[in-house]
C-alpha atoms as a PDB file:
ATOM      1  CA  MET A   1      -6.901  11.745   3.181  1.00  0.00           C
ATOM      2  CA  PRO A   2      -8.361  15.104   2.096  1.00  0.00           C
ATOM      3  CA  TYR A   3     -10.922  14.701  -0.670  1.00  0.00           C
ATOM      4  CA  ASP A   4      -9.651  17.552  -2.857  1.00  0.00           C
ATOM      5  CA  SER A   5      -5.915  16.923  -2.588  1.00  0.00           C
ATOM      6  CA  ASP A   6      -3.137  15.492  -4.731  1.00  0.00           C
ATOM      7  CA  MET A   7      -3.196  12.400  -2.539  1.00  0.00           C
ATOM      8  CA  GLY A   8      -6.960  12.020  -3.012  1.00  0.00           C
ATOM      9  CA  ARG A   9      -6.766  12.518  -6.761  1.00  0.00           C
ATOM     10  CA  ASN A  10      -3.862  10.050  -7.079  1.00  0.00           C
ATOM     11  CA  ALA A  11      -5.785   7.471  -5.042  1.00  0.00           C
ATOM     12  CA  ALA A  12      -8.943   7.973  -7.125  1.00  0.00           C
ATOM     13  CA  ALA A  13      -6.937   7.659 -10.354  1.00  0.00           C
ATOM     14  CA  ALA A  14      -5.277   4.449  -9.164  1.00  0.00           C
ATOM     15  CA  ILE A  15      -8.531   2.894  -7.869  1.00  0.00           C
ATOM     16  CA  THR A  16     -10.445   3.705 -11.057  1.00  0.00           C
ATOM     17  CA  ALA A  17      -7.580   2.444 -13.237  1.00  0.00           C
ATOM     18  CA  LEU A  18      -7.364  -0.735 -11.137  1.00  0.00           C
ATOM     19  CA  MET A  19     -11.093  -1.454 -11.531  1.00  0.00           C
ATOM     20  CA  THR A  20     -10.923  -0.847 -15.272  1.00  0.00           C
ATOM     21  CA  GLY A  21      -7.780  -2.930 -15.765  1.00  0.00           C
ATOM     22  CA  ARG A  22      -9.262  -5.839 -13.814  1.00  0.00           C
ATOM     23  CA  ALA A  23     -12.489  -5.611 -15.836  1.00  0.00           C
ATOM     24  CA  TYR A  24     -10.601  -5.723 -19.147  1.00  0.00           C
ATOM     25  CA  ALA A  25      -8.500  -8.657 -17.914  1.00  0.00           C
ATOM     26  CA  GLN A  26     -11.716 -10.502 -17.059  1.00  0.00           C
ATOM     27  CA  SER A  27     -13.165  -9.589 -20.446  1.00  0.00           C
ATOM     28  CA  ALA A  28     -10.119 -11.181 -22.092  1.00  0.00           C
ATOM     29  CA  ARG A  29     -10.498 -14.309 -19.923  1.00  0.00           C
ATOM     30  CA  ILE A  30     -14.120 -14.597 -21.030  1.00  0.00           C
ATOM     31  CA  ALA A  31     -13.005 -14.112 -24.646  1.00  0.00           C
ATOM     32  CA  SER A  32     -10.605 -17.043 -24.184  1.00  0.00           C
ATOM     33  CA  VAL A  33     -13.669 -19.244 -23.533  1.00  0.00           C
ATOM     34  CA  LEU A  34     -16.442 -17.642 -25.600  1.00  0.00           C
ATOM     35  CA  GLY A  35     -14.406 -15.849 -28.260  1.00  0.00           C
ATOM     36  CA  PRO A  36     -13.835 -12.112 -28.650  1.00  0.00           C
ATOM     37  CA  MET A  37     -16.501  -9.554 -29.524  1.00  0.00           C
ATOM     38  CA  SER A  38     -17.796 -10.054 -33.059  1.00  0.00           C
ATOM     39  CA  VAL A  39     -16.137  -6.936 -34.522  1.00  0.00           C
ATOM     40  CA  ILE A  40     -12.701  -7.748 -33.152  1.00  0.00           C
ATOM     41  CA  PRO A  41     -11.087  -8.903 -36.428  1.00  0.00           C
ATOM     42  CA  ARG A  42     -11.622  -5.460 -37.946  1.00  0.00           C
ATOM     43  CA  TYR A  43     -10.823  -3.425 -34.837  1.00  0.00           C
ATOM     44  CA  ARG A  44      -8.457  -5.738 -32.965  1.00  0.00           C
ATOM     45  CA  GLU A  45      -5.259  -3.729 -33.474  1.00  0.00           C
ATOM     46  CA  PRO A  46      -6.820  -0.278 -32.931  1.00  0.00           C
ATOM     47  CA  HIS A  47      -8.517  -1.570 -29.759  1.00  0.00           C
ATOM     48  CA  ASN A  48      -5.291  -3.185 -28.542  1.00  0.00           C
ATOM     49  CA  ALA A  49      -3.472   0.101 -29.175  1.00  0.00           C
ATOM     50  CA  VAL A  50      -6.001   1.873 -26.925  1.00  0.00           C
ATOM     51  CA  MET A  51      -5.502  -0.781 -24.234  1.00  0.00           C
ATOM     52  CA  ARG A  52      -1.725  -0.254 -24.414  1.00  0.00           C
ATOM     53  CA  MET A  53      -2.288   3.510 -24.024  1.00  0.00           C
ATOM     54  CA  HIS A  54      -4.386   2.864 -20.905  1.00  0.00           C
ATOM     55  CA  ARG A  55      -1.661   0.584 -19.542  1.00  0.00           C
ATOM     56  CA  ASP A  56       0.956   3.245 -20.235  1.00  0.00           C
ATOM     57  CA  ALA A  57      -1.212   5.838 -18.461  1.00  0.00           C
ATOM     58  CA  ALA A  58      -1.146   3.661 -15.315  1.00  0.00           C
ATOM     59  CA  TYR A  59       2.600   4.219 -15.270  1.00  0.00           C
ATOM     60  CA  VAL A  60       2.119   8.013 -15.436  1.00  0.00           C
ATOM     61  CA  ILE A  61       0.122   8.226 -12.180  1.00  0.00           C
ATOM     62  CA  ALA A  62       2.335  10.161  -9.783  1.00  0.00           C
ATOM     63  CA  GLU A  63       4.460   7.935  -7.573  1.00  0.00           C
ATOM     64  CA  ASP A  64       5.535   9.849  -4.511  1.00  0.00           C
ATOM     65  CA  GLU A  65       4.837  10.100  -0.776  1.00  0.00           C
ATOM     66  CA  ARG A  66       1.220  11.044  -1.553  1.00  0.00           C
ATOM     67  CA  THR A  67       0.539   7.775  -3.396  1.00  0.00           C
ATOM     68  CA  ASP A  68      -0.229   4.337  -1.970  1.00  0.00           C
ATOM     69  CA  GLY A  69       2.590   2.270  -3.484  1.00  0.00           C
ATOM     70  CA  GLU A  70       0.791  -1.075  -3.125  1.00  0.00           C
ATOM     71  CA  LEU A  71      -2.336   0.277  -4.803  1.00  0.00           C
ATOM     72  CA  LEU A  72      -0.316   1.746  -7.649  1.00  0.00           C
ATOM     73  CA  ALA A  73       1.631  -1.516  -8.110  1.00  0.00           C
ATOM     74  CA  ALA A  74      -1.662  -3.478  -8.219  1.00  0.00           C
ATOM     75  CA  THR A  75      -3.029  -1.032 -10.807  1.00  0.00           C
ATOM     76  CA  ARG A  76      -0.006  -1.469 -13.029  1.00  0.00           C
ATOM     77  CA  ARG A  77      -0.097  -5.267 -12.696  1.00  0.00           C
ATOM     78  CA  ALA A  78      -3.798  -5.260 -13.610  1.00  0.00           C
ATOM     79  CA  TRP A  79      -3.136  -3.305 -16.803  1.00  0.00           C
ATOM     80  CA  ASP A  80      -0.093  -5.423 -17.713  1.00  0.00           C
ATOM     81  CA  GLU A  81      -2.289  -8.506 -17.353  1.00  0.00           C
ATOM     82  CA  ALA A  82      -5.212  -6.954 -19.256  1.00  0.00           C
ATOM     83  CA  VAL A  83      -2.973  -6.076 -22.207  1.00  0.00           C
ATOM     84  CA  GLU A  84      -1.198  -9.452 -22.207  1.00  0.00           C
ATOM     85  CA  LEU A  85      -4.470 -11.418 -22.111  1.00  0.00           C
ATOM     86  CA  GLY A  86      -6.122  -9.110 -24.653  1.00  0.00           C
ATOM     87  CA  GLU A  87      -3.242  -9.500 -27.087  1.00  0.00           C
ATOM     88  CA  SER A  88      -3.686 -13.286 -26.831  1.00  0.00           C
ATOM     89  CA  TYR A  89      -7.477 -13.658 -26.801  1.00  0.00           C
ATOM     90  CA  GLY A  90      -9.040 -10.324 -27.697  1.00  0.00           C
ATOM     91  CA  TYR A  91     -11.743  -8.836 -25.478  1.00  0.00           C
ATOM     92  CA  ARG A  92     -15.360  -9.775 -25.008  1.00  0.00           C
ATOM     93  CA  ASN A  93     -16.297  -6.160 -24.203  1.00  0.00           C
ATOM     94  CA  ALA A  94     -15.170  -3.049 -26.077  1.00  0.00           C
ATOM     95  CA  GLN A  95     -16.074  -0.639 -23.275  1.00  0.00           C
ATOM     96  CA  GLN A  96     -16.001  -0.728 -19.479  1.00  0.00           C
ATOM     97  CA  VAL A  97     -17.790   1.904 -17.398  1.00  0.00           C
ATOM     98  CA  PHE A  98     -17.223   2.672 -13.716  1.00  0.00           C
ATOM     99  CA  LEU A  99     -18.394   5.210 -11.204  1.00  0.00           C
ATOM    100  CA  ALA A 100     -15.767   6.870  -9.090  1.00  0.00           C
ATOM    101  CA  PRO A 101     -15.612   5.339  -5.605  1.00  0.00           C
ATOM    102  CA  TYR A 102     -17.074   7.656  -2.993  1.00  0.00           C
ATOM    103  CA  GLY A 103     -17.329   5.784   0.276  1.00  0.00           C
ATOM    104  CA  HIS A 104     -20.453   3.649   0.096  1.00  0.00           C
ATOM    105  CA  ASP A 105     -22.266   1.274  -2.258  1.00  0.00           C
ATOM    106  CA  LEU A 106     -21.518   2.232  -5.834  1.00  0.00           C
ATOM    107  CA  VAL A 107     -24.882   0.979  -7.083  1.00  0.00           C
ATOM    108  CA  PRO A 108     -27.397   0.977  -4.217  1.00  0.00           C
ATOM    109  CA  ASP A 109     -29.866  -1.925  -4.107  1.00  0.00           C
ATOM    110  CA  TRP A 110     -27.893  -3.972  -6.637  1.00  0.00           C
ATOM    111  CA  THR A 111     -25.671  -6.977  -6.075  1.00  0.00           C
ATOM    112  CA  VAL A 112     -23.071  -8.526  -8.372  1.00  0.00           C
ATOM    113  CA  THR A 113     -23.404 -12.306  -8.505  1.00  0.00           C
ATOM    114  CA  ARG A 114     -21.346 -14.932 -10.269  1.00  0.00           C
ATOM    115  CA  PRO A 115     -22.940 -18.349 -10.757  1.00  0.00           C
ATOM    116  CA  ALA A 116     -20.429 -21.177 -10.272  1.00  0.00           C
ATOM    117  CA  SER A 117     -21.107 -22.421 -13.809  1.00  0.00           C
ATOM    118  CA  SER A 118     -20.452 -19.058 -15.483  1.00  0.00           C
ATOM    119  CA  PRO A 119     -17.259 -17.077 -16.095  1.00  0.00           C
ATOM    120  CA  THR A 120     -19.298 -13.876 -16.198  1.00  0.00           C
ATOM    121  CA  SER A 121     -20.877 -11.792 -13.453  1.00  0.00           C
ATOM    122  CA  THR A 122     -24.473 -10.635 -13.343  1.00  0.00           C
ATOM    123  CA  LEU A 123     -25.916  -7.451 -11.849  1.00  0.00           C
ATOM    124  CA  VAL A 124     -29.062  -8.312  -9.890  1.00  0.00           C
ATOM    125  CA  SER A 125     -31.533  -5.891  -8.342  1.00  0.00           C
ATOM    126  CA  SER A 126     -32.494  -6.512  -4.748  1.00  0.00           C
ATOM    127  CA  ARG A 127     -35.262  -3.910  -4.857  1.00  0.00           C
ATOM    128  CA  ALA A 128     -37.985  -6.388  -5.767  1.00  0.00           C
ATOM    129  CA  SER A 129     -37.497  -8.232  -2.478  1.00  0.00           C
ATOM    130  CA  ARG A 130     -37.867  -4.946  -0.535  1.00  0.00           C
ATOM    131  CA  ARG A 131     -41.049  -3.656  -2.153  1.00  0.00           C
ATOM    132  CA  ARG A 132     -43.993  -3.035   0.114  1.00  0.00           C
ATOM    133  CA  PRO A 133     -47.142  -4.946  -0.731  1.00  0.00           C
ATOM    134  CA  ASP A 134     -49.708  -2.845  -2.606  1.00  0.00           C
END
């Protein structure tokens, strides 16, 4: 797939939207256990309106021979789920941030862990274990 092509841009849009939709769905799951972010009563409807706009944007990503249909379907399902869960429980996080995928570790020397007892994930640095002795 050429990097600077319609196919590449469509794939990047779908992958980024999929990651974001899944993150918001998880945020809503966490809110179902821990409660939504503290400002949600005041901003619940405006925030939900933004989530619906993001979901709607997933349906605008071009669907043609240059697009991976399974990836696009997964992206749309992720946003449908994120909006449905968010409408029910609110969100624990107001903002999600992602780097565009580019072929290798997104955050070098860091690992995402999820303790069995926790619904949340933790970003852990592995650099400390690689440091040379002074």
